[in-house]
C-alpha atoms as a PDB file:
ATOM      1  CA  MET A   1      40.899 -30.482  58.163  1.00  0.00           C
ATOM      2  CA  SER A   2      39.689 -32.066  54.933  1.00  0.00           C
ATOM      3  CA  LEU A   3      36.675 -30.216  53.571  1.00  0.00           C
ATOM      4  CA  ALA A   4      35.625 -33.251  51.581  1.00  0.00           C
ATOM      5  CA  GLU A   5      35.265 -35.281  54.765  1.00  0.00           C
ATOM      6  CA  LEU A   6      32.977 -32.805  56.534  1.00  0.00           C
ATOM      7  CA  THR A   7      29.258 -33.427  56.940  1.00  0.00           C
ATOM      8  CA  LEU A   8      26.974 -31.476  54.631  1.00  0.00           C
ATOM      9  CA  THR A   9      26.002 -29.218  57.529  1.00  0.00           C
ATOM     10  CA  ALA A  10      29.588 -28.620  58.595  1.00  0.00           C
ATOM     11  CA  PHE A  11      30.718 -27.835  55.052  1.00  0.00           C
ATOM     12  CA  SER A  12      27.797 -25.464  54.522  1.00  0.00           C
ATOM     13  CA  ASN A  13      28.646 -23.700  57.767  1.00  0.00           C
ATOM     14  CA  GLU A  14      32.275 -23.357  56.664  1.00  0.00           C
ATOM     15  CA  LEU A  15      31.121 -21.944  53.339  1.00  0.00           C
ATOM     16  CA  ALA A  16      28.832 -19.471  55.095  1.00  0.00           C
ATOM     17  CA  GLY A  17      31.520 -18.312  57.530  1.00  0.00           C
ATOM     18  CA  ASP A  18      33.492 -15.086  57.621  1.00  0.00           C
ATOM     19  CA  SER A  19      36.592 -16.629  56.043  1.00  0.00           C
ATOM     20  CA  PRO A  20      37.165 -16.399  52.257  1.00  0.00           C
ATOM     21  CA  THR A  21      37.911 -20.125  52.253  1.00  0.00           C
ATOM     22  CA  PRO A  22      36.257 -22.361  51.338  1.00  0.00           C
ATOM     23  CA  GLY A  23      34.807 -20.212  48.592  1.00  0.00           C
ATOM     24  CA  GLY A  24      33.370 -20.381  45.119  1.00  0.00           C
ATOM     25  CA  GLY A  25      36.109 -22.570  43.679  1.00  0.00           C
ATOM     26  CA  SER A  26      35.582 -25.265  46.283  1.00  0.00           C
ATOM     27  CA  ALA A  27      31.809 -25.001  45.852  1.00  0.00           C
ATOM     28  CA  ALA A  28      32.229 -25.410  42.087  1.00  0.00           C
ATOM     29  CA  ALA A  29      34.315 -28.556  42.558  1.00  0.00           C
ATOM     30  CA  LEU A  30      31.722 -29.974  44.944  1.00  0.00           C
ATOM     31  CA  SER A  31      28.965 -29.230  42.453  1.00  0.00           C
ATOM     32  CA  GLY A  32      30.919 -31.194  39.859  1.00  0.00           C
ATOM     33  CA  ALA A  33      31.433 -34.076  42.285  1.00  0.00           C
ATOM     34  CA  MET A  34      27.689 -34.248  42.933  1.00  0.00           C
ATOM     35  CA  GLY A  35      26.988 -34.231  39.197  1.00  0.00           C
ATOM     36  CA  ALA A  36      29.440 -37.088  38.719  1.00  0.00           C
ATOM     37  CA  ALA A  37      27.895 -38.948  41.650  1.00  0.00           C
ATOM     38  CA  LEU A  38      24.428 -38.743  40.126  1.00  0.00           C
ATOM     39  CA  CYS A  39      25.803 -40.000  36.822  1.00  0.00           C
ATOM     40  CA  ALA A  40      27.384 -42.964  38.617  1.00  0.00           C
ATOM     41  CA  MET A  41      24.108 -43.623  40.430  1.00  0.00           C
ATOM     42  CA  VAL A  42      22.170 -43.820  37.160  1.00  0.00           C
ATOM     43  CA  ALA A  43      24.760 -46.251  35.814  1.00  0.00           C
ATOM     44  CA  ARG A  44      24.379 -48.462  38.889  1.00  0.00           C
ATOM     45  CA  LEU A  45      20.580 -48.387  38.687  1.00  0.00           C
ATOM     46  CA  THR A  46      20.905 -49.527  35.091  1.00  0.00           C
ATOM     47  CA  LEU A  47      23.346 -52.309  35.965  1.00  0.00           C
ATOM     48  CA  ALA A  48      20.950 -53.471  38.691  1.00  0.00           C
ATOM     49  CA  ARG A  49      18.151 -54.258  36.202  1.00  0.00           C
ATOM     50  CA  ARG A  50      18.287 -57.415  34.070  1.00  0.00           C
ATOM     51  CA  LYS A  51      16.116 -55.834  31.381  1.00  0.00           C
ATOM     52  CA  TYR A  52      18.924 -53.366  30.621  1.00  0.00           C
ATOM     53  CA  GLU A  53      21.516 -56.112  30.175  1.00  0.00           C
ATOM     54  CA  GLY A  54      22.154 -55.018  26.601  1.00  0.00           C
ATOM     55  CA  VAL A  55      23.836 -51.822  27.798  1.00  0.00           C
ATOM     56  CA  TRP A  56      25.620 -53.185  30.869  1.00  0.00           C
ATOM     57  CA  LYS A  57      29.046 -52.935  29.238  1.00  0.00           C
ATOM     58  CA  GLU A  58      28.573 -49.242  28.493  1.00  0.00           C
ATOM     59  CA  MET A  59      27.083 -48.532  31.899  1.00  0.00           C
ATOM     60  CA  ALA A  60      29.963 -50.292  33.652  1.00  0.00           C
ATOM     61  CA  GLN A  61      32.327 -47.926  31.850  1.00  0.00           C
ATOM     62  CA  VAL A  62      30.179 -44.950  32.869  1.00  0.00           C
ATOM     63  CA  ARG A  63      30.162 -46.105  36.496  1.00  0.00           C
ATOM     64  CA  GLU A  64      33.939 -46.436  36.602  1.00  0.00           C
ATOM     65  CA  GLY A  65      34.558 -43.162  34.789  1.00  0.00           C
ATOM     66  CA  ALA A  66      32.090 -41.166  36.877  1.00  0.00           C
ATOM     67  CA  ASP A  67      33.349 -42.692  40.134  1.00  0.00           C
ATOM     68  CA  HIS A  68      36.911 -41.715  39.232  1.00  0.00           C
ATOM     69  CA  LEU A  69      35.962 -38.146  38.341  1.00  0.00           C
ATOM     70  CA  MET A  70      33.812 -37.803  41.459  1.00  0.00           C
ATOM     71  CA  GLN A  71      36.857 -38.605  43.598  1.00  0.00           C
ATOM     72  CA  ARG A  72      39.019 -36.243  41.553  1.00  0.00           C
ATOM     73  CA  LEU A  73      36.530 -33.413  42.012  1.00  0.00           C
ATOM     74  CA  LEU A  74      36.219 -34.074  45.739  1.00  0.00           C
ATOM     75  CA  ALA A  75      39.994 -33.752  46.015  1.00  0.00           C
ATOM     76  CA  LEU A  76      39.782 -30.436  44.165  1.00  0.00           C
ATOM     77  CA  VAL A  77      37.414 -29.090  46.840  1.00  0.00           C
ATOM     78  CA  ASP A  78      40.367 -29.046  49.237  1.00  0.00           C
ATOM     79  CA  GLN A  79      42.958 -28.163  46.629  1.00  0.00           C
ATOM     80  CA  ASP A  80      41.110 -25.008  45.621  1.00  0.00           C
ATOM     81  CA  THR A  81      41.064 -23.789  49.214  1.00  0.00           C
ATOM     82  CA  ASP A  82      44.749 -24.658  49.604  1.00  0.00           C
ATOM     83  CA  ALA A  83      45.579 -22.694  46.447  1.00  0.00           C
ATOM     84  CA  TYR A  84      43.793 -19.586  47.685  1.00  0.00           C
ATOM     85  CA  ASN A  85      45.510 -19.880  51.041  1.00  0.00           C
ATOM     86  CA  GLY A  86      48.794 -19.976  49.124  1.00  0.00           C
ATOM     87  CA  VAL A  87      47.977 -16.583  47.625  1.00  0.00           C
ATOM     88  CA  VAL A  88      47.127 -15.192  51.052  1.00  0.00           C
ATOM     89  CA  GLY A  89      50.414 -16.531  52.419  1.00  0.00           C
ATOM     90  CA  ALA A  90      52.386 -14.881  49.621  1.00  0.00           C
ATOM     91  CA  LEU A  91      50.601 -11.565  50.178  1.00  0.00           C
ATOM     92  CA  ARG A  92      51.698 -11.636  53.815  1.00  0.00           C
ATOM     93  CA  LEU A  93      55.391 -11.967  53.000  1.00  0.00           C
ATOM     94  CA  PRO A  94      57.567  -9.012  54.078  1.00  0.00           C
ATOM     95  CA  LYS A  95      58.231  -6.285  51.515  1.00  0.00           C
ATOM     96  CA  ASP A  96      60.465  -3.813  53.325  1.00  0.00           C
ATOM     97  CA  THR A  97      63.623  -4.329  51.264  1.00  0.00           C
ATOM     98  CA  GLU A  98      64.112  -4.716  47.527  1.00  0.00           C
ATOM     99  CA  ASP A  99      65.182  -8.316  48.038  1.00  0.00           C
ATOM    100  CA  GLU A 100      62.043  -9.036  50.047  1.00  0.00           C
ATOM    101  CA  LYS A 101      59.897  -7.361  47.407  1.00  0.00           C
ATOM    102  CA  THR A 102      61.461  -9.535  44.705  1.00  0.00           C
ATOM    103  CA  ARG A 103      60.937 -12.745  46.682  1.00  0.00           C
ATOM    104  CA  ARG A 104      57.370 -11.753  47.511  1.00  0.00           C
ATOM    105  CA  GLN A 105      56.568 -10.995  43.878  1.00  0.00           C
ATOM    106  CA  LYS A 106      57.946 -14.343  42.720  1.00  0.00           C
ATOM    107  CA  ALA A 107      55.959 -16.140  45.411  1.00  0.00           C
ATOM    108  CA  LEU A 108      52.814 -14.263  44.427  1.00  0.00           C
ATOM    109  CA  GLN A 109      53.171 -15.104  40.762  1.00  0.00           C
ATOM    110  CA  ALA A 110      53.647 -18.796  41.575  1.00  0.00           C
ATOM    111  CA  ALA A 111      50.657 -18.708  43.928  1.00  0.00           C
ATOM    112  CA  TYR A 112      48.407 -16.992  41.384  1.00  0.00           C
ATOM    113  CA  LYS A 113      49.354 -19.574  38.772  1.00  0.00           C
ATOM    114  CA  GLN A 114      48.491 -22.400  41.156  1.00  0.00           C
ATOM    115  CA  ALA A 115      45.222 -20.673  42.042  1.00  0.00           C
ATOM    116  CA  ALA A 116      44.364 -20.615  38.330  1.00  0.00           C
ATOM    117  CA  LEU A 117      45.517 -24.159  37.599  1.00  0.00           C
ATOM    118  CA  VAL A 118      43.390 -25.802  40.299  1.00  0.00           C
ATOM    119  CA  PRO A 119      40.004 -24.592  38.998  1.00  0.00           C
ATOM    120  CA  MET A 120      41.297 -25.378  35.516  1.00  0.00           C
ATOM    121  CA  GLU A 121      41.573 -28.976  36.692  1.00  0.00           C
ATOM    122  CA  THR A 122      37.963 -28.771  37.889  1.00  0.00           C
ATOM    123  CA  LEU A 123      36.930 -27.555  34.454  1.00  0.00           C
ATOM    124  CA  ARG A 124      38.876 -30.355  32.764  1.00  0.00           C
ATOM    125  CA  ALA A 125      37.237 -32.967  34.972  1.00  0.00           C
ATOM    126  CA  VAL A 126      33.786 -31.603  34.169  1.00  0.00           C
ATOM    127  CA  ALA A 127      34.618 -31.678  30.455  1.00  0.00           C
ATOM    128  CA  ARG A 128      35.504 -35.359  30.800  1.00  0.00           C
ATOM    129  CA  MET A 129      32.116 -35.976  32.408  1.00  0.00           C
ATOM    130  CA  VAL A 130      30.267 -34.902  29.257  1.00  0.00           C
ATOM    131  CA  THR A 131      30.622 -38.258  27.494  1.00  0.00           C
ATOM    132  CA  TRP A 132      29.573 -40.227  30.564  1.00  0.00           C
ATOM    133  CA  LEU A 133      26.474 -38.116  31.119  1.00  0.00           C
ATOM    134  CA  GLU A 134      25.506 -38.310  27.457  1.00  0.00           C
ATOM    135  CA  GLN A 135      25.655 -42.090  27.710  1.00  0.00           C
ATOM    136  CA  THR A 136      23.467 -42.180  30.819  1.00  0.00           C
ATOM    137  CA  LEU A 137      20.851 -40.114  29.003  1.00  0.00           C
ATOM    138  CA  ASP A 138      21.056 -42.288  25.896  1.00  0.00           C
ATOM    139  CA  LYS A 139      21.296 -45.745  27.456  1.00  0.00           C
ATOM    140  CA  GLY A 140      20.708 -45.404  31.182  1.00  0.00           C
ATOM    141  CA  ASN A 141      17.675 -46.437  33.185  1.00  0.00           C
ATOM    142  CA  PRO A 142      14.882 -44.197  31.806  1.00  0.00           C
ATOM    143  CA  ASN A 143      13.327 -43.915  35.259  1.00  0.00           C
ATOM    144  CA  CYS A 144      16.351 -41.791  36.211  1.00  0.00           C
ATOM    145  CA  VAL A 145      15.883 -39.113  33.564  1.00  0.00           C
ATOM    146  CA  THR A 146      15.453 -36.331  36.126  1.00  0.00           C
ATOM    147  CA  ASP A 147      18.646 -37.421  37.889  1.00  0.00           C
ATOM    148  CA  VAL A 148      20.464 -37.002  34.587  1.00  0.00           C
ATOM    149  CA  GLY A 149      18.883 -33.549  34.276  1.00  0.00           C
ATOM    150  CA  VAL A 150      20.011 -32.517  37.747  1.00  0.00           C
ATOM    151  CA  ALA A 151      23.515 -33.850  37.026  1.00  0.00           C
ATOM    152  CA  ALA A 152      23.617 -31.689  33.897  1.00  0.00           C
ATOM    153  CA  GLN A 153      22.732 -28.568  35.887  1.00  0.00           C
ATOM    154  CA  LEU A 154      25.295 -29.352  38.583  1.00  0.00           C
ATOM    155  CA  LEU A 155      28.020 -29.911  35.999  1.00  0.00           C
ATOM    156  CA  ARG A 156      27.095 -26.708  34.191  1.00  0.00           C
ATOM    157  CA  THR A 157      27.382 -24.799  37.474  1.00  0.00           C
ATOM    158  CA  ALA A 158      30.707 -26.459  38.228  1.00  0.00           C
ATOM    159  CA  ALA A 159      32.053 -25.485  34.823  1.00  0.00           C
ATOM    160  CA  MET A 160      31.000 -21.859  35.054  1.00  0.00           C
ATOM    161  CA  GLY A 161      32.226 -21.526  38.640  1.00  0.00           C
ATOM    162  CA  ALA A 162      35.588 -23.050  37.790  1.00  0.00           C
ATOM    163  CA  ALA A 163      35.919 -20.799  34.746  1.00  0.00           C
ATOM    164  CA  TYR A 164      35.271 -17.695  36.851  1.00  0.00           C
ATOM    165  CA  ASN A 165      37.995 -18.723  39.268  1.00  0.00           C
ATOM    166  CA  VAL A 166      40.547 -19.368  36.541  1.00  0.00           C
ATOM    167  CA  ARG A 167      39.844 -16.026  34.909  1.00  0.00           C
ATOM    168  CA  VAL A 168      40.011 -13.948  38.085  1.00  0.00           C
ATOM    169  CA  ASN A 169      43.477 -15.289  38.878  1.00  0.00           C
ATOM    170  CA  LEU A 170      44.742 -14.738  35.335  1.00  0.00           C
ATOM    171  CA  MET A 171      44.203 -11.013  35.914  1.00  0.00           C
ATOM    172  CA  ASP A 172      47.155 -10.946  38.326  1.00  0.00           C
ATOM    173  CA  ILE A 173      49.577 -13.138  36.374  1.00  0.00           C
ATOM    174  CA  ALA A 174      52.364 -11.440  34.452  1.00  0.00           C
ATOM    175  CA  ASP A 175      53.161 -14.450  32.227  1.00  0.00           C
ATOM    176  CA  LYS A 176      51.089 -13.539  29.168  1.00  0.00           C
ATOM    177  CA  ALA A 177      51.753 -16.801  27.322  1.00  0.00           C
ATOM    178  CA  PHE A 178      50.465 -18.737  30.335  1.00  0.00           C
ATOM    179  CA  CYS A 179      47.388 -16.511  30.529  1.00  0.00           C
ATOM    180  CA  THR A 180      46.607 -16.794  26.824  1.00  0.00           C
ATOM    181  CA  LYS A 181      46.903 -20.577  26.886  1.00  0.00           C
ATOM    182  CA  LEU A 182      44.607 -21.006  29.882  1.00  0.00           C
ATOM    183  CA  ALA A 183      42.105 -18.384  28.702  1.00  0.00           C
ATOM    184  CA  THR A 184      41.787 -20.176  25.369  1.00  0.00           C
ATOM    185  CA  GLU A 185      41.290 -23.534  27.063  1.00  0.00           C
ATOM    186  CA  VAL A 186      38.704 -22.060  29.414  1.00  0.00           C
ATOM    187  CA  ALA A 187      36.683 -20.576  26.554  1.00  0.00           C
ATOM    188  CA  GLU A 188      36.787 -23.789  24.539  1.00  0.00           C
ATOM    189  CA  SER A 189      35.903 -25.973  27.534  1.00  0.00           C
ATOM    190  CA  VAL A 190      32.998 -23.791  28.642  1.00  0.00           C
ATOM    191  CA  ALA A 191      31.603 -23.697  25.096  1.00  0.00           C
ATOM    192  CA  HIS A 192      31.850 -27.495  24.812  1.00  0.00           C
ATOM    193  CA  ILE A 193      30.299 -28.162  28.220  1.00  0.00           C
ATOM    194  CA  THR A 194      27.530 -25.580  27.850  1.00  0.00           C
ATOM    195  CA  LYS A 195      26.510 -26.914  24.438  1.00  0.00           C
ATOM    196  CA  ALA A 196      26.412 -30.482  25.750  1.00  0.00           C
ATOM    197  CA  MET A 197      24.423 -29.568  28.863  1.00  0.00           C
ATOM    198  CA  ASP A 198      21.975 -27.538  26.786  1.00  0.00           C
ATOM    199  CA  THR A 199      21.394 -30.582  24.585  1.00  0.00           C
ATOM    200  CA  ILE A 200      20.987 -32.911  27.562  1.00  0.00           C
ATOM    201  CA  SER A 201      18.642 -30.489  29.325  1.00  0.00           C
ATOM    202  CA  ALA A 202      16.501 -30.135  26.200  1.00  0.00           C
ATOM    203  CA  ALA A 203      16.282 -33.920  25.891  1.00  0.00           C
ATOM    204  CA  VAL A 204      15.250 -34.226  29.542  1.00  0.00           C
ATOM    205  CA  GLU A 205      12.557 -31.574  29.036  1.00  0.00           C
ATOM    206  CA  GLN A 206      11.266 -33.460  26.014  1.00  0.00           C
ATOM    207  CA  LYS A 207      11.033 -36.714  27.976  1.00  0.00           C
ATOM    208  CA  LEU A 208       9.055 -34.916  30.697  1.00  0.00           C
ATOM    209  CA  ASP A 209       6.455 -33.461  28.283  1.00  0.00           C
END
């Protein structure tokens, strides 16, 4: 079953169920996909108006970039659930003998790394959305300013949710170099995204005054 192909109601019911998957990581990726979708929508509503012809080239680039990242983030909805299920599968491996314990530990470490890398990909995709959203605010159809504002909030949520899910998995990974590298990237990405979304949100507020 592909989560990304479910109806909104079906996905929400899955999220509300008594299974740990889909969980916060998948929800974060979906939030990012919706933010990217709104960005693409603003680009299209700019391209549809002759009076904005002067920025069509830029908006065509935004549309293509946001469409691509929307699809990437939708794929990550399923990948995050798959990664968590990988951890669960490793935890269920037998551990009666020393050999089994060793194999289980190796499988767990690989699964935890994958469970950290998937939300890291969500965070990277959201970071790439910053430029596209800034352009929609600057040059997009001004009638869509609130859509840009909502996209900013969705992308902020996606970034924070993805960061949480990277960090929680790093706690169980023995490879300290791996952990340090990802933790540094998480901190830098969150700082970059948060600063950009704060700026965009402030600009939206100003346009609404």
